[in-house]
Amino acid sequence: MKQGIVAFFLVIFSFHAFYQAGVVIWFHANRAYIASVLCENKAKPELKCKGNCQLNKMAKNQDEKGDRTLPSSSQKWVEISPCEIINSEIEFRESGLVREYSPAAPVRYTFQPDYSVFHPPIA
């Protein structure tokens, strides 16, 4: 199942990537037909176009299609820094609550280790 999905996406991406090459291959395979029927410069043999005008037109159309999908560059991007320094004053108000350190508070930490729980293994 996973290999089928991977193969599907690989084919889709390959079509997208090699579309321009496919157009050129199609052009060279059908060059006689394009030069005799589709060429815009049939009446001007001195240009020796041989259908290149159609190839250029197809390439231009493909470029225009690609440009339409890209976002326009007329939008302005605003960069926001996560560490922006704000130049504003911070006001501290005195609160009515005052806490003082009381050194007479009982200390519940003992500095003497208590070995009564530990029993070494008996050999």
PDB file of N, CA and C in Angstrom:
ATOM      1  N   MET A   1       0.831  -1.192   0.000  1.00  0.00           N
ATOM      2  CA  MET A   1       0.000   0.000   0.000  1.00  0.00           C
ATOM      3  C   MET A   1       0.878   1.259   0.000  1.00  0.00           C
ATOM      4  N   LYS A   2       1.873   1.282   0.904  1.00  0.00           N
ATOM      5  CA  LYS A   2       2.754   2.446   0.983  1.00  0.00           C
ATOM      6  C   LYS A   2       3.565   2.607  -0.300  1.00  0.00           C
ATOM      7  N   GLN A   3       3.998   1.484  -0.880  1.00  0.00           N
ATOM      8  CA  GLN A   3       4.787   1.562  -2.105  1.00  0.00           C
ATOM      9  C   GLN A   3       3.951   2.097  -3.258  1.00  0.00           C
ATOM     10  N   GLY A   4       2.670   1.753  -3.276  1.00  0.00           N
ATOM     11  CA  GLY A   4       1.775   2.272  -4.309  1.00  0.00           C
ATOM     12  C   GLY A   4       1.595   3.770  -4.196  1.00  0.00           C
ATOM     13  N   ILE A   5       1.445   4.257  -2.969  1.00  0.00           N
ATOM     14  CA  ILE A   5       1.292   5.697  -2.752  1.00  0.00           C
ATOM     15  C   ILE A   5       2.577   6.426  -3.129  1.00  0.00           C
ATOM     16  N   VAL A   6       3.715   5.858  -2.749  1.00  0.00           N
ATOM     17  CA  VAL A   6       5.004   6.471  -3.087  1.00  0.00           C
ATOM     18  C   VAL A   6       5.187   6.506  -4.602  1.00  0.00           C
ATOM     19  N   ALA A   7       4.843   5.417  -5.286  1.00  0.00           N
ATOM     20  CA  ALA A   7       4.967   5.378  -6.745  1.00  0.00           C
ATOM     21  C   ALA A   7       4.047   6.405  -7.397  1.00  0.00           C
ATOM     22  N   PHE A   8       2.832   6.549  -6.877  1.00  0.00           N
ATOM     23  CA  PHE A   8       1.884   7.530  -7.414  1.00  0.00           C
ATOM     24  C   PHE A   8       2.444   8.947  -7.306  1.00  0.00           C
ATOM     25  N   PHE A   9       2.935   9.311  -6.132  1.00  0.00           N
ATOM     26  CA  PHE A   9       3.480  10.654  -5.955  1.00  0.00           C
ATOM     27  C   PHE A   9       4.750  10.859  -6.780  1.00  0.00           C
ATOM     28  N   LEU A  10       5.548   9.820  -6.924  1.00  0.00           N
ATOM     29  CA  LEU A  10       6.750   9.913  -7.746  1.00  0.00           C
ATOM     30  C   LEU A  10       6.389  10.200  -9.198  1.00  0.00           C
ATOM     31  N   VAL A  11       5.360   9.536  -9.708  1.00  0.00           N
ATOM     32  CA  VAL A  11       4.916   9.774 -11.083  1.00  0.00           C
ATOM     33  C   VAL A  11       4.372  11.188 -11.233  1.00  0.00           C
ATOM     34  N   ILE A  12       3.568  11.634 -10.267  1.00  0.00           N
ATOM     35  CA  ILE A  12       2.993  12.983 -10.332  1.00  0.00           C
ATOM     36  C   ILE A  12       4.101  14.041 -10.322  1.00  0.00           C
ATOM     37  N   PHE A  13       5.057  13.912  -9.414  1.00  0.00           N
ATOM     38  CA  PHE A  13       6.150  14.882  -9.348  1.00  0.00           C
ATOM     39  C   PHE A  13       7.028  14.815 -10.598  1.00  0.00           C
ATOM     40  N   SER A  14       7.194  13.625 -11.159  1.00  0.00           N
ATOM     41  CA  SER A  14       7.986  13.493 -12.379  1.00  0.00           C
ATOM     42  C   SER A  14       7.307  14.196 -13.544  1.00  0.00           C
ATOM     43  N   PHE A  15       5.977  14.061 -13.656  1.00  0.00           N
ATOM     44  CA  PHE A  15       5.259  14.772 -14.716  1.00  0.00           C
ATOM     45  C   PHE A  15       5.452  16.270 -14.581  1.00  0.00           C
ATOM     46  N   HIS A  16       5.362  16.743 -13.380  1.00  0.00           N
ATOM     47  CA  HIS A  16       5.508  18.181 -13.161  1.00  0.00           C
ATOM     48  C   HIS A  16       6.924  18.651 -13.489  1.00  0.00           C
ATOM     49  N   ALA A  17       7.907  17.875 -13.098  1.00  0.00           N
ATOM     50  CA  ALA A  17       9.296  18.285 -13.281  1.00  0.00           C
ATOM     51  C   ALA A  17       9.733  18.197 -14.743  1.00  0.00           C
ATOM     52  N   PHE A  18       9.231  17.212 -15.478  1.00  0.00           N
ATOM     53  CA  PHE A  18       9.703  16.981 -16.841  1.00  0.00           C
ATOM     54  C   PHE A  18       8.705  17.421 -17.902  1.00  0.00           C
ATOM     55  N   TYR A  19       7.760  18.277 -17.544  1.00  0.00           N
ATOM     56  CA  TYR A  19       6.768  18.736 -18.515  1.00  0.00           C
ATOM     57  C   TYR A  19       7.430  19.515 -19.644  1.00  0.00           C
ATOM     58  N   GLN A  20       8.341  20.409 -19.315  1.00  0.00           N
ATOM     59  CA  GLN A  20       9.012  21.223 -20.330  1.00  0.00           C
ATOM     60  C   GLN A  20       9.815  20.332 -21.276  1.00  0.00           C
ATOM     61  N   ALA A  21      10.485  19.327 -20.748  1.00  0.00           N
ATOM     62  CA  ALA A  21      11.238  18.408 -21.602  1.00  0.00           C
ATOM     63  C   ALA A  21      10.288  17.629 -22.506  1.00  0.00           C
ATOM     64  N   GLY A  22       9.110  17.290 -22.006  1.00  0.00           N
ATOM     65  CA  GLY A  22       8.110  16.597 -22.820  1.00  0.00           C
ATOM     66  C   GLY A  22       7.629  17.454 -23.973  1.00  0.00           C
ATOM     67  N   VAL A  23       7.480  18.741 -23.739  1.00  0.00           N
ATOM     68  CA  VAL A  23       7.065  19.657 -24.808  1.00  0.00           C
ATOM     69  C   VAL A  23       8.133  19.709 -25.892  1.00  0.00           C
ATOM     70  N   VAL A  24       9.391  19.767 -25.509  1.00  0.00           N
ATOM     71  CA  VAL A  24      10.483  19.820 -26.491  1.00  0.00           C
ATOM     72  C   VAL A  24      10.552  18.515 -27.277  1.00  0.00           C
ATOM     73  N   ILE A  25      10.382  17.386 -26.615  1.00  0.00           N
ATOM     74  CA  ILE A  25      10.399  16.090 -27.305  1.00  0.00           C
ATOM     75  C   ILE A  25       9.229  16.005 -28.276  1.00  0.00           C
ATOM     76  N   TRP A  26       8.038  16.439 -27.840  1.00  0.00           N
ATOM     77  CA  TRP A  26       6.869  16.442 -28.725  1.00  0.00           C
ATOM     78  C   TRP A  26       7.123  17.341 -29.934  1.00  0.00           C
ATOM     79  N   PHE A  27       7.764  18.487 -29.706  1.00  0.00           N
ATOM     80  CA  PHE A  27       8.059  19.407 -30.800  1.00  0.00           C
ATOM     81  C   PHE A  27       8.979  18.756 -31.829  1.00  0.00           C
ATOM     82  N   HIS A  28      10.038  18.109 -31.371  1.00  0.00           N
ATOM     83  CA  HIS A  28      10.978  17.495 -32.312  1.00  0.00           C
ATOM     84  C   HIS A  28      10.358  16.287 -33.008  1.00  0.00           C
ATOM     85  N   ALA A  29       9.461  15.578 -32.350  1.00  0.00           N
ATOM     86  CA  ALA A  29       8.806  14.431 -32.974  1.00  0.00           C
ATOM     87  C   ALA A  29       7.818  14.880 -34.051  1.00  0.00           C
ATOM     88  N   ASN A  30       7.189  16.021 -33.885  1.00  0.00           N
ATOM     89  CA  ASN A  30       6.170  16.509 -34.819  1.00  0.00           C
ATOM     90  C   ASN A  30       6.617  17.772 -35.548  1.00  0.00           C
ATOM     91  N   ARG A  31       7.891  17.930 -35.739  1.00  0.00           N
ATOM     92  CA  ARG A  31       8.415  19.172 -36.314  1.00  0.00           C
ATOM     93  C   ARG A  31       7.906  19.423 -37.735  1.00  0.00           C
ATOM     94  N   ALA A  32       7.789  18.393 -38.547  1.00  0.00           N
ATOM     95  CA  ALA A  32       7.316  18.575 -39.928  1.00  0.00           C
ATOM     96  C   ALA A  32       5.873  19.066 -39.933  1.00  0.00           C
ATOM     97  N   TYR A  33       5.021  18.479 -39.106  1.00  0.00           N
ATOM     98  CA  TYR A  33       3.619  18.910 -39.024  1.00  0.00           C
ATOM     99  C   TYR A  33       3.520  20.345 -38.499  1.00  0.00           C
ATOM    100  N   ILE A  34       4.280  20.661 -37.474  1.00  0.00           N
ATOM    101  CA  ILE A  34       4.240  22.003 -36.884  1.00  0.00           C
ATOM    102  C   ILE A  34       4.719  23.037 -37.901  1.00  0.00           C
ATOM    103  N   ALA A  35       5.795  22.724 -38.648  1.00  0.00           N
ATOM    104  CA  ALA A  35       6.336  23.674 -39.623  1.00  0.00           C
ATOM    105  C   ALA A  35       5.372  23.894 -40.782  1.00  0.00           C
ATOM    106  N   SER A  36       4.632  22.849 -41.184  1.00  0.00           N
ATOM    107  CA  SER A  36       3.751  22.997 -42.345  1.00  0.00           C
ATOM    108  C   SER A  36       2.365  23.508 -41.989  1.00  0.00           C
ATOM    109  N   VAL A  37       1.860  23.228 -40.778  1.00  0.00           N
ATOM    110  CA  VAL A  37       0.482  23.585 -40.442  1.00  0.00           C
ATOM    111  C   VAL A  37       0.402  24.694 -39.394  1.00  0.00           C
ATOM    112  N   LEU A  38       1.112  24.575 -38.293  1.00  0.00           N
ATOM    113  CA  LEU A  38       0.948  25.489 -37.164  1.00  0.00           C
ATOM    114  C   LEU A  38       1.864  26.706 -37.194  1.00  0.00           C
ATOM    115  N   CYS A  39       2.890  26.686 -38.002  1.00  0.00           N
ATOM    116  CA  CYS A  39       3.884  27.761 -37.990  1.00  0.00           C
ATOM    117  C   CYS A  39       3.257  29.089 -38.414  1.00  0.00           C
ATOM    118  N   GLU A  40       3.578  30.126 -37.667  1.00  0.00           N
ATOM    119  CA  GLU A  40       3.064  31.464 -37.974  1.00  0.00           C
ATOM    120  C   GLU A  40       3.861  32.129 -39.096  1.00  0.00           C
ATOM    121  N   ASN A  41       5.043  31.639 -39.363  1.00  0.00           N
ATOM    122  CA  ASN A  41       5.927  32.256 -40.358  1.00  0.00           C
ATOM    123  C   ASN A  41       6.027  31.412 -41.631  1.00  0.00           C
ATOM    124  N   LYS A  42       4.945  30.724 -42.016  1.00  0.00           N
ATOM    125  CA  LYS A  42       4.970  29.922 -43.245  1.00  0.00           C
ATOM    126  C   LYS A  42       5.176  30.803 -44.469  1.00  0.00           C
ATOM    127  N   ALA A  43       4.627  31.991 -44.431  1.00  0.00           N
ATOM    128  CA  ALA A  43       4.721  32.892 -45.583  1.00  0.00           C
ATOM    129  C   ALA A  43       6.095  33.550 -45.689  1.00  0.00           C
ATOM    130  N   LYS A  44       6.928  33.423 -44.677  1.00  0.00           N
ATOM    131  CA  LYS A  44       8.252  34.059 -44.677  1.00  0.00           C
ATOM    132  C   LYS A  44       9.342  32.983 -44.579  1.00  0.00           C
ATOM    133  N   PRO A  45       9.667  32.320 -45.695  1.00  0.00           N
ATOM    134  CA  PRO A  45      10.676  31.248 -45.631  1.00  0.00           C
ATOM    135  C   PRO A  45      12.082  31.754 -45.329  1.00  0.00           C
ATOM    136  N   GLU A  46      12.325  33.055 -45.504  1.00  0.00           N
ATOM    137  CA  GLU A  46      13.670  33.587 -45.238  1.00  0.00           C
ATOM    138  C   GLU A  46      14.008  33.569 -43.750  1.00  0.00           C
ATOM    139  N   LEU A  47      12.986  33.466 -42.882  1.00  0.00           N
ATOM    140  CA  LEU A  47      13.238  33.406 -41.437  1.00  0.00           C
ATOM    141  C   LEU A  47      13.737  32.031 -40.991  1.00  0.00           C
ATOM    142  N   LYS A  48      13.481  31.014 -41.804  1.00  0.00           N
ATOM    143  CA  LYS A  48      13.874  29.626 -41.499  1.00  0.00           C
ATOM    144  C   LYS A  48      13.411  29.229 -40.095  1.00  0.00           C
ATOM    145  N   CYS A  49      12.150  29.503 -39.825  1.00  0.00           N
ATOM    146  CA  CYS A  49      11.576  29.268 -38.497  1.00  0.00           C
ATOM    147  C   CYS A  49      11.426  27.776 -38.211  1.00  0.00           C
ATOM    148  N   LYS A  50      10.866  27.035 -39.171  1.00  0.00           N
ATOM    149  CA  LYS A  50      10.643  25.587 -39.055  1.00  0.00           C
ATOM    150  C   LYS A  50       9.888  25.219 -37.778  1.00  0.00           C
ATOM    151  N   GLY A  51       8.972  26.072 -37.369  1.00  0.00           N
ATOM    152  CA  GLY A  51       8.120  25.772 -36.215  1.00  0.00           C
ATOM    153  C   GLY A  51       8.656  26.246 -34.883  1.00  0.00           C
ATOM    154  N   ASN A  52       9.814  26.881 -34.867  1.00  0.00           N
ATOM    155  CA  ASN A  52      10.367  27.366 -33.596  1.00  0.00           C
ATOM    156  C   ASN A  52       9.469  28.406 -32.940  1.00  0.00           C
ATOM    157  N   CYS A  53       8.687  29.126 -33.751  1.00  0.00           N
ATOM    158  CA  CYS A  53       7.771  30.117 -33.176  1.00  0.00           C
ATOM    159  C   CYS A  53       6.737  29.436 -32.283  1.00  0.00           C
ATOM    160  N   GLN A  54       6.265  28.251 -32.694  1.00  0.00           N
ATOM    161  CA  GLN A  54       5.302  27.513 -31.872  1.00  0.00           C
ATOM    162  C   GLN A  54       5.940  27.016 -30.581  1.00  0.00           C
ATOM    163  N   LEU A  55       7.186  26.568 -30.680  1.00  0.00           N
ATOM    164  CA  LEU A  55       7.892  26.117 -29.478  1.00  0.00           C
ATOM    165  C   LEU A  55       8.082  27.276 -28.505  1.00  0.00           C
ATOM    166  N   ASN A  56       8.454  28.437 -29.017  1.00  0.00           N
ATOM    167  CA  ASN A  56       8.617  29.611 -28.154  1.00  0.00           C
ATOM    168  C   ASN A  56       7.291  30.025 -27.536  1.00  0.00           C
ATOM    169  N   LYS A  57       6.216  29.931 -28.323  1.00  0.00           N
ATOM    170  CA  LYS A  57       4.899  30.292 -27.802  1.00  0.00           C
ATOM    171  C   LYS A  57       4.474  29.332 -26.686  1.00  0.00           C
ATOM    172  N   MET A  58       4.731  28.037 -26.880  1.00  0.00           N
ATOM    173  CA  MET A  58       4.375  27.051 -25.846  1.00  0.00           C
ATOM    174  C   MET A  58       5.198  27.271 -24.578  1.00  0.00           C
ATOM    175  N   ALA A  59       6.475  27.585 -24.742  1.00  0.00           N
ATOM    176  CA  ALA A  59       7.322  27.837 -23.570  1.00  0.00           C
ATOM    177  C   ALA A  59       6.862  29.089 -22.836  1.00  0.00           C
ATOM    178  N   LYS A  60       6.466  30.117 -23.590  1.00  0.00           N
ATOM    179  CA  LYS A  60       5.987  31.352 -22.970  1.00  0.00           C
ATOM    180  C   LYS A  60       4.682  31.103 -22.220  1.00  0.00           C
ATOM    181  N   ASN A  61       3.773  30.317 -22.820  1.00  0.00           N
ATOM    182  CA  ASN A  61       2.516  29.986 -22.135  1.00  0.00           C
ATOM    183  C   ASN A  61       2.777  29.219 -20.845  1.00  0.00           C
ATOM    184  N   GLN A  62       3.726  28.299 -20.889  1.00  0.00           N
ATOM    185  CA  GLN A  62       4.039  27.522 -19.688  1.00  0.00           C
ATOM    186  C   GLN A  62       4.637  28.414 -18.607  1.00  0.00           C
ATOM    187  N   ASP A  63       5.488  29.357 -18.994  1.00  0.00           N
ATOM    188  CA  ASP A  63       6.063  30.284 -18.016  1.00  0.00           C
ATOM    189  C   ASP A  63       4.988  31.161 -17.395  1.00  0.00           C
ATOM    190  N   GLU A  64       4.025  31.604 -18.215  1.00  0.00           N
ATOM    191  CA  GLU A  64       2.934  32.425 -17.684  1.00  0.00           C
ATOM    192  C   GLU A  64       2.066  31.631 -16.719  1.00  0.00           C
ATOM    193  N   LYS A  65       1.832  30.352 -17.025  1.00  0.00           N
ATOM    194  CA  LYS A  65       1.052  29.509 -16.109  1.00  0.00           C
ATOM    195  C   LYS A  65       1.791  29.347 -14.787  1.00  0.00           C
ATOM    196  N   GLY A  66       3.104  29.189 -14.858  1.00  0.00           N
ATOM    197  CA  GLY A  66       3.898  29.058 -13.640  1.00  0.00           C
ATOM    198  C   GLY A  66       3.921  30.339 -12.837  1.00  0.00           C
ATOM    199  N   ASP A  67       3.929  31.482 -13.526  1.00  0.00           N
ATOM    200  CA  ASP A  67       3.949  32.766 -12.826  1.00  0.00           C
ATOM    201  C   ASP A  67       2.633  33.044 -12.129  1.00  0.00           C
ATOM    202  N   ARG A  68       1.529  32.536 -12.669  1.00  0.00           N
ATOM    203  CA  ARG A  68       0.231  32.774 -12.041  1.00  0.00           C
ATOM    204  C   ARG A  68       0.103  32.043 -10.714  1.00  0.00           C
ATOM    205  N   THR A  69       0.773  30.919 -10.584  1.00  0.00           N
ATOM    206  CA  THR A  69       0.656  30.156  -9.349  1.00  0.00           C
ATOM    207  C   THR A  69       1.528  30.722  -8.235  1.00  0.00           C
ATOM    208  N   LEU A  70       2.541  31.519  -8.586  1.00  0.00           N
ATOM    209  CA  LEU A  70       3.413  32.094  -7.570  1.00  0.00           C
ATOM    210  C   LEU A  70       2.733  33.290  -6.913  1.00  0.00           C
ATOM    211  N   PRO A  71       2.977  33.520  -5.642  1.00  0.00           N
ATOM    212  CA  PRO A  71       2.381  34.696  -5.001  1.00  0.00           C
ATOM    213  C   PRO A  71       3.006  35.974  -5.550  1.00  0.00           C
ATOM    214  N   SER A  72       2.209  36.998  -5.593  1.00  0.00           N
ATOM    215  CA  SER A  72       2.714  38.257  -6.131  1.00  0.00           C
ATOM    216  C   SER A  72       3.701  38.876  -5.144  1.00  0.00           C
ATOM    217  N   SER A  73       4.681  39.565  -5.704  1.00  0.00           N
ATOM    218  CA  SER A  73       5.716  40.153  -4.855  1.00  0.00           C
ATOM    219  C   SER A  73       5.342  41.557  -4.392  1.00  0.00           C
ATOM    220  N   SER A  74       4.114  41.992  -4.684  1.00  0.00           N
ATOM    221  CA  SER A  74       3.710  43.330  -4.274  1.00  0.00           C
ATOM    222  C   SER A  74       3.321  43.378  -2.797  1.00  0.00           C
ATOM    223  N   GLN A  75       3.213  42.224  -2.180  1.00  0.00           N
ATOM    224  CA  GLN A  75       2.864  42.193  -0.763  1.00  0.00           C
ATOM    225  C   GLN A  75       4.095  42.539   0.065  1.00  0.00           C
ATOM    226  N   LYS A  76       3.869  43.257   1.150  1.00  0.00           N
ATOM    227  CA  LYS A  76       4.973  43.591   2.040  1.00  0.00           C
ATOM    228  C   LYS A  76       4.988  42.599   3.194  1.00  0.00           C
ATOM    229  N   TRP A  77       6.160  42.118   3.497  1.00  0.00           N
ATOM    230  CA  TRP A  77       6.326  41.192   4.600  1.00  0.00           C
ATOM    231  C   TRP A  77       6.807  41.976   5.811  1.00  0.00           C
ATOM    232  N   VAL A  78       6.192  41.716   6.929  1.00  0.00           N
ATOM    233  CA  VAL A  78       6.582  42.364   8.169  1.00  0.00           C
ATOM    234  C   VAL A  78       7.274  41.315   9.017  1.00  0.00           C
ATOM    235  N   GLU A  79       8.477  41.615   9.415  1.00  0.00           N
ATOM    236  CA  GLU A  79       9.236  40.679  10.218  1.00  0.00           C
ATOM    237  C   GLU A  79       9.025  40.990  11.690  1.00  0.00           C
ATOM    238  N   ILE A  80       8.680  39.963  12.433  1.00  0.00           N
ATOM    239  CA  ILE A  80       8.465  40.130  13.864  1.00  0.00           C
ATOM    240  C   ILE A  80       9.541  39.338  14.585  1.00  0.00           C
ATOM    241  N   SER A  81      10.291  40.019  15.406  1.00  0.00           N
ATOM    242  CA  SER A  81      11.363  39.381  16.145  1.00  0.00           C
ATOM    243  C   SER A  81      10.814  38.839  17.456  1.00  0.00           C
ATOM    244  N   PRO A  82      11.162  37.610  17.819  1.00  0.00           N
ATOM    245  CA  PRO A  82      10.670  37.080  19.090  1.00  0.00           C
ATOM    246  C   PRO A  82      11.336  37.749  20.292  1.00  0.00           C
ATOM    247  N   CYS A  83      12.460  38.401  20.076  1.00  0.00           N
ATOM    248  CA  CYS A  83      13.185  39.042  21.171  1.00  0.00           C
ATOM    249  C   CYS A  83      13.205  40.552  20.973  1.00  0.00           C
ATOM    250  N   GLU A  84      12.095  41.108  20.612  1.00  0.00           N
ATOM    251  CA  GLU A  84      12.039  42.542  20.352  1.00  0.00           C
ATOM    252  C   GLU A  84      12.097  43.312  21.663  1.00  0.00           C
ATOM    253  N   ILE A  85      12.918  44.337  21.684  1.00  0.00           N
ATOM    254  CA  ILE A  85      13.064  45.157  22.882  1.00  0.00           C
ATOM    255  C   ILE A  85      12.052  46.285  22.801  1.00  0.00           C
ATOM    256  N   ILE A  86      11.242  46.388  23.807  1.00  0.00           N
ATOM    257  CA  ILE A  86      10.221  47.419  23.843  1.00  0.00           C
ATOM    258  C   ILE A  86      10.720  48.539  24.739  1.00  0.00           C
ATOM    259  N   ASN A  87      10.738  49.732  24.221  1.00  0.00           N
ATOM    260  CA  ASN A  87      11.207  50.889  24.981  1.00  0.00           C
ATOM    261  C   ASN A  87      10.035  51.551  25.687  1.00  0.00           C
ATOM    262  N   SER A  88       9.525  50.894  26.652  1.00  0.00           N
ATOM    263  CA  SER A  88       8.439  51.488  27.430  1.00  0.00           C
ATOM    264  C   SER A  88       8.814  51.400  28.904  1.00  0.00           C
ATOM    265  N   GLU A  89       8.328  52.339  29.635  1.00  0.00           N
ATOM    266  CA  GLU A  89       8.651  52.373  31.054  1.00  0.00           C
ATOM    267  C   GLU A  89       7.707  51.458  31.821  1.00  0.00           C
ATOM    268  N   ILE A  90       8.264  50.788  32.794  1.00  0.00           N
ATOM    269  CA  ILE A  90       7.476  49.907  33.642  1.00  0.00           C
ATOM    270  C   ILE A  90       7.329  50.591  34.987  1.00  0.00           C
ATOM    271  N   GLU A  91       6.101  50.717  35.415  1.00  0.00           N
ATOM    272  CA  GLU A  91       5.838  51.372  36.693  1.00  0.00           C
ATOM    273  C   GLU A  91       5.655  50.314  37.768  1.00  0.00           C
ATOM    274  N   PHE A  92       6.345  50.508  38.879  1.00  0.00           N
ATOM    275  CA  PHE A  92       6.202  49.624  40.022  1.00  0.00           C
ATOM    276  C   PHE A  92       5.452  50.374  41.113  1.00  0.00           C
ATOM    277  N   ARG A  93       4.385  49.768  41.555  1.00  0.00           N
ATOM    278  CA  ARG A  93       3.618  50.386  42.642  1.00  0.00           C
ATOM    279  C   ARG A  93       3.879  49.614  43.921  1.00  0.00           C
ATOM    280  N   GLU A  94       3.936  50.330  44.989  1.00  0.00           N
ATOM    281  CA  GLU A  94       4.135  49.665  46.273  1.00  0.00           C
ATOM    282  C   GLU A  94       2.822  49.029  46.705  1.00  0.00           C
ATOM    283  N   SER A  95       2.934  47.799  47.105  1.00  0.00           N
ATOM    284  CA  SER A  95       1.722  47.138  47.593  1.00  0.00           C
ATOM    285  C   SER A  95       1.696  47.229  49.116  1.00  0.00           C
ATOM    286  N   GLY A  96       0.542  47.024  49.667  1.00  0.00           N
ATOM    287  CA  GLY A  96       0.388  47.107  51.113  1.00  0.00           C
ATOM    288  C   GLY A  96       0.954  45.886  51.819  1.00  0.00           C
ATOM    289  N   LEU A  97       1.205  44.810  51.065  1.00  0.00           N
ATOM    290  CA  LEU A  97       1.722  43.591  51.681  1.00  0.00           C
ATOM    291  C   LEU A  97       3.246  43.652  51.738  1.00  0.00           C
ATOM    292  N   VAL A  98       3.766  43.423  52.909  1.00  0.00           N
ATOM    293  CA  VAL A  98       5.213  43.418  53.084  1.00  0.00           C
ATOM    294  C   VAL A  98       5.572  42.109  53.756  1.00  0.00           C
ATOM    295  N   ARG A  99       6.488  41.390  53.141  1.00  0.00           N
ATOM    296  CA  ARG A  99       6.941  40.142  53.749  1.00  0.00           C
ATOM    297  C   ARG A  99       8.372  40.343  54.199  1.00  0.00           C
ATOM    298  N   GLU A 100       8.615  39.942  55.380  1.00  0.00           N
ATOM    299  CA  GLU A 100       9.967  40.051  55.903  1.00  0.00           C
ATOM    300  C   GLU A 100      10.493  38.652  56.167  1.00  0.00           C
ATOM    301  N   TYR A 101      11.780  38.516  56.007  1.00  0.00           N
ATOM    302  CA  TYR A 101      12.416  37.243  56.292  1.00  0.00           C
ATOM    303  C   TYR A 101      12.527  37.081  57.792  1.00  0.00           C
ATOM    304  N   SER A 102      12.070  35.942  58.242  1.00  0.00           N
ATOM    305  CA  SER A 102      12.124  35.669  59.673  1.00  0.00           C
ATOM    306  C   SER A 102      13.184  34.609  59.930  1.00  0.00           C
ATOM    307  N   PRO A 103      14.329  34.975  60.494  1.00  0.00           N
ATOM    308  CA  PRO A 103      15.379  33.987  60.749  1.00  0.00           C
ATOM    309  C   PRO A 103      14.999  33.001  61.838  1.00  0.00           C
ATOM    310  N   ALA A 104      13.949  33.259  62.589  1.00  0.00           N
ATOM    311  CA  ALA A 104      13.551  32.355  63.655  1.00  0.00           C
ATOM    312  C   ALA A 104      12.654  31.235  63.143  1.00  0.00           C
ATOM    313  N   ALA A 105      12.433  31.163  61.845  1.00  0.00           N
ATOM    314  CA  ALA A 105      11.581  30.109  61.294  1.00  0.00           C
ATOM    315  C   ALA A 105      12.270  28.768  61.491  1.00  0.00           C
ATOM    316  N   PRO A 106      11.508  27.740  61.791  1.00  0.00           N
ATOM    317  CA  PRO A 106      12.120  26.430  62.042  1.00  0.00           C
ATOM    318  C   PRO A 106      12.744  25.851  60.770  1.00  0.00           C
ATOM    319  N   VAL A 107      13.930  25.309  60.924  1.00  0.00           N
ATOM    320  CA  VAL A 107      14.622  24.666  59.817  1.00  0.00           C
ATOM    321  C   VAL A 107      14.347  23.180  59.925  1.00  0.00           C
ATOM    322  N   ARG A 108      13.782  22.595  58.893  1.00  0.00           N
ATOM    323  CA  ARG A 108      13.395  21.185  58.951  1.00  0.00           C
ATOM    324  C   ARG A 108      14.381  20.289  58.208  1.00  0.00           C
ATOM    325  N   TYR A 109      15.489  20.799  57.819  1.00  0.00           N
ATOM    326  CA  TYR A 109      16.480  20.012  57.115  1.00  0.00           C
ATOM    327  C   TYR A 109      17.513  19.530  58.114  1.00  0.00           C
ATOM    328  N   THR A 110      17.735  18.220  58.134  1.00  0.00           N
ATOM    329  CA  THR A 110      18.740  17.682  59.052  1.00  0.00           C
ATOM    330  C   THR A 110      20.035  17.467  58.290  1.00  0.00           C
ATOM    331  N   PHE A 111      21.112  17.787  58.971  1.00  0.00           N
ATOM    332  CA  PHE A 111      22.410  17.638  58.352  1.00  0.00           C
ATOM    333  C   PHE A 111      23.035  16.284  58.661  1.00  0.00           C
ATOM    334  N   GLN A 112      22.455  15.558  59.569  1.00  0.00           N
ATOM    335  CA  GLN A 112      22.971  14.249  59.920  1.00  0.00           C
ATOM    336  C   GLN A 112      22.218  13.200  59.109  1.00  0.00           C
ATOM    337  N   PRO A 113      22.944  12.337  58.377  1.00  0.00           N
ATOM    338  CA  PRO A 113      22.253  11.313  57.591  1.00  0.00           C
ATOM    339  C   PRO A 113      21.580  10.295  58.499  1.00  0.00           C
ATOM    340  N   ASP A 114      20.477   9.802  58.045  1.00  0.00           N
ATOM    341  CA  ASP A 114      19.708   8.821  58.804  1.00  0.00           C
ATOM    342  C   ASP A 114      19.884   7.471  58.116  1.00  0.00           C
ATOM    343  N   TYR A 115      20.631   6.542  58.773  1.00  0.00           N
ATOM    344  CA  TYR A 115      20.917   5.244  58.193  1.00  0.00           C
ATOM    345  C   TYR A 115      19.975   4.160  58.687  1.00  0.00           C
ATOM    346  N   SER A 116      18.925   4.504  59.360  1.00  0.00           N
ATOM    347  CA  SER A 116      18.074   3.482  59.952  1.00  0.00           C
ATOM    348  C   SER A 116      17.288   2.705  58.896  1.00  0.00           C
ATOM    349  N   VAL A 117      17.055   3.276  57.722  1.00  0.00           N
ATOM    350  CA  VAL A 117      16.274   2.590  56.694  1.00  0.00           C
ATOM    351  C   VAL A 117      17.153   1.661  55.887  1.00  0.00           C
ATOM    352  N   PHE A 118      18.418   1.998  55.701  1.00  0.00           N
ATOM    353  CA  PHE A 118      19.306   1.217  54.862  1.00  0.00           C
ATOM    354  C   PHE A 118      19.830   0.001  55.616  1.00  0.00           C
ATOM    355  N   HIS A 119      19.668  -1.168  55.021  1.00  0.00           N
ATOM    356  CA  HIS A 119      20.205  -2.406  55.581  1.00  0.00           C
ATOM    357  C   HIS A 119      21.064  -3.055  54.513  1.00  0.00           C
ATOM    358  N   PRO A 120      22.372  -3.184  54.756  1.00  0.00           N
ATOM    359  CA  PRO A 120      23.224  -3.810  53.750  1.00  0.00           C
ATOM    360  C   PRO A 120      22.889  -5.292  53.607  1.00  0.00           C
ATOM    361  N   PRO A 121      23.149  -5.862  52.447  1.00  0.00           N
ATOM    362  CA  PRO A 121      22.833  -7.285  52.246  1.00  0.00           C
ATOM    363  C   PRO A 121      23.674  -8.178  53.152  1.00  0.00           C
ATOM    364  N   ILE A 122      23.056  -9.232  53.595  1.00  0.00           N
ATOM    365  CA  ILE A 122      23.745 -10.185  54.478  1.00  0.00           C
ATOM    366  C   ILE A 122      24.355 -11.265  53.602  1.00  0.00           C
ATOM    367  N   ALA A 123      25.657 -11.499  53.787  1.00  0.00           N
ATOM    368  CA  ALA A 123      26.346 -12.468  52.950  1.00  0.00           C
ATOM    369  C   ALA A 123      26.325 -13.846  53.532  1.00  0.00           C
TER     370      ALA A 123
END
